[in-house]
Amino acid sequence: MNLIRALGRWCPAFLMMTAIFAFSSRSSNDLPNFHVFDYFVKKGGHMIGYGLLATSYLYAFNRRDNKSFFLAWLLAVLYAFTDEYHQSFVAGRHPSIWDVMIFDNFGAILALCFISWRNKNLA
């Protein structure tokens, strides 16, 4: 695979990392309030965002072996840790290990498990 094609495969991952960084850069006052559903919408957003990030890492690796799935999950969780650290510098935002360990981690695992299941059923 040539360098341009390889870099192109990493574009979705870079876009997802940028989107996550942009969302977490907003102060708590700038975030929308979903009233009764606020907690579920925001935690669901964590799961979807990190599911998409893990999926984009897997796409960048261009392989579907166990090592690639593990690395995609690991990179997503490591990025989640750096994002929580980043939030500690944003007004009104607070880092949470629980966001990483539960919502971000679970979103990445669910997405990768779905891809693995789909690949086995299509084969």
Protein backbone atom coordinates (compact mmCIF):
# COMPACT_ATOMS: atom_id res chain seq x y z
CA MET A 1 0.00 0.00 0.00
CA ASN A 2 1.51 3.32 -0.97
CA LEU A 3 1.94 6.20 1.48
CA ILE A 4 -0.91 8.35 0.12
CA ARG A 5 -3.39 5.48 0.33
CA ALA A 6 -2.20 4.64 3.86
CA LEU A 7 -2.58 8.26 4.97
CA GLY A 8 -6.02 8.35 3.38
CA ARG A 9 -7.09 5.36 5.47
CA TRP A 10 -6.17 7.35 8.61
CA CYS A 11 -8.32 10.36 7.64
CA PRO A 12 -11.51 9.08 9.34
CA ALA A 13 -9.58 8.49 12.58
CA PHE A 14 -8.10 11.99 12.48
CA LEU A 15 -11.52 13.47 11.75
CA MET A 16 -13.08 11.58 14.68
CA MET A 17 -10.28 12.66 17.03
CA THR A 18 -10.78 16.25 15.89
CA ALA A 19 -14.54 16.05 16.40
CA ILE A 20 -14.15 14.57 19.89
CA PHE A 21 -11.59 17.25 20.78
CA ALA A 22 -13.91 19.99 19.49
CA PHE A 23 -16.91 18.70 21.49
CA SER A 24 -14.87 18.38 24.67
CA SER A 25 -13.43 21.88 24.20
CA ARG A 26 -16.85 23.45 24.73
CA SER A 27 -17.55 24.77 28.22
CA SER A 28 -20.46 23.29 30.12
CA ASN A 29 -22.43 26.51 29.55
CA ASP A 30 -22.07 26.10 25.77
CA LEU A 31 -23.44 22.56 25.73
CA PRO A 32 -27.12 21.98 24.98
CA ASN A 33 -29.38 20.79 27.76
CA PHE A 34 -31.61 17.86 26.88
CA HIS A 35 -33.55 18.21 30.15
CA VAL A 36 -34.78 14.82 31.38
CA PHE A 37 -32.74 12.99 28.75
CA ASP A 38 -29.51 15.02 29.20
CA TYR A 39 -27.54 12.26 30.93
CA PHE A 40 -28.58 9.60 28.41
CA VAL A 41 -27.94 11.76 25.35
CA LYS A 42 -24.48 12.86 26.52
CA LYS A 43 -23.36 9.41 27.68
CA GLY A 44 -24.79 7.93 24.49
CA GLY A 45 -22.71 10.49 22.61
CA HIS A 46 -19.62 9.19 24.38
CA MET A 47 -20.43 5.64 23.33
CA ILE A 48 -21.18 6.56 19.71
CA GLY A 49 -18.12 8.80 19.41
CA TYR A 50 -15.68 6.23 20.74
CA GLY A 51 -17.38 3.44 18.83
CA LEU A 52 -16.81 5.39 15.64
CA LEU A 53 -13.24 6.19 16.69
CA ALA A 54 -12.42 2.51 17.31
CA THR A 55 -14.04 1.63 13.98
CA SER A 56 -11.99 4.27 12.18
CA TYR A 57 -8.78 2.93 13.75
CA LEU A 58 -9.67 -0.56 12.56
CA TYR A 59 -10.29 0.83 9.08
CA ALA A 60 -6.88 2.53 9.15
CA PHE A 61 -5.13 -0.76 9.97
CA ASN A 62 -6.72 -2.34 6.88
CA ARG A 63 -6.71 -5.77 8.57
CA ARG A 64 -9.30 -7.73 10.53
CA ASP A 65 -7.16 -9.93 12.76
CA ASN A 66 -7.30 -10.10 16.56
CA LYS A 67 -4.26 -7.85 16.93
CA SER A 68 -5.92 -5.10 14.85
CA PHE A 69 -9.14 -5.30 16.88
CA PHE A 70 -7.16 -5.08 20.12
CA LEU A 71 -5.06 -2.14 18.90
CA ALA A 72 -8.16 -0.30 17.66
CA TRP A 73 -9.77 -0.72 21.09
CA LEU A 74 -6.56 0.26 22.91
CA LEU A 75 -6.02 3.41 20.86
CA ALA A 76 -9.65 4.47 21.41
CA VAL A 77 -9.35 4.03 25.18
CA LEU A 78 -5.99 5.79 25.31
CA TYR A 79 -7.46 8.70 23.36
CA ALA A 80 -10.36 8.76 25.83
CA PHE A 81 -7.88 9.20 28.69
CA THR A 82 -6.16 12.09 26.90
CA ASP A 83 -9.54 13.67 26.17
CA GLU A 84 -10.57 13.52 29.83
CA TYR A 85 -7.27 15.16 30.75
CA HIS A 86 -7.95 17.84 28.12
CA GLN A 87 -11.37 18.48 29.69
CA SER A 88 -9.69 19.36 32.99
CA PHE A 89 -8.59 22.62 31.31
CA VAL A 90 -12.05 23.53 29.98
CA ALA A 91 -14.29 25.81 32.06
CA GLY A 92 -17.10 23.92 33.75
CA ARG A 93 -15.89 20.52 32.56
CA HIS A 94 -14.54 17.84 34.83
CA PRO A 95 -12.52 14.77 33.89
CA SER A 96 -14.14 11.48 34.79
CA ILE A 97 -12.44 8.11 34.89
CA TRP A 98 -15.95 6.61 34.74
CA ASP A 99 -16.60 8.19 31.34
CA VAL A 100 -13.49 6.44 30.04
CA MET A 101 -13.91 3.10 31.74
CA ILE A 102 -17.65 2.72 31.19
CA PHE A 103 -19.01 4.78 28.32
CA ASP A 104 -16.00 5.32 26.04
CA ASN A 105 -14.65 1.81 26.59
CA PHE A 106 -18.05 0.17 26.18
CA GLY A 107 -18.78 2.15 23.00
CA ALA A 108 -15.48 1.04 21.46
CA ILE A 109 -16.03 -2.59 22.48
CA LEU A 110 -19.62 -2.67 21.18
CA ALA A 111 -18.63 -1.25 17.80
CA LEU A 112 -15.71 -3.65 17.38
CA CYS A 113 -17.79 -6.64 18.51
CA PHE A 114 -20.47 -5.71 15.99
CA ILE A 115 -17.89 -5.54 13.19
CA SER A 116 -16.41 -8.88 14.24
CA TRP A 117 -19.87 -10.46 14.35
CA ARG A 118 -20.82 -8.98 10.98
CA ASN A 119 -17.58 -10.20 9.38
CA LYS A 120 -18.17 -13.75 10.68
CA ASN A 121 -21.75 -13.78 9.43
CA LEU A 122 -20.84 -12.46 5.98
CA ALA A 123 -18.06 -15.00 5.48
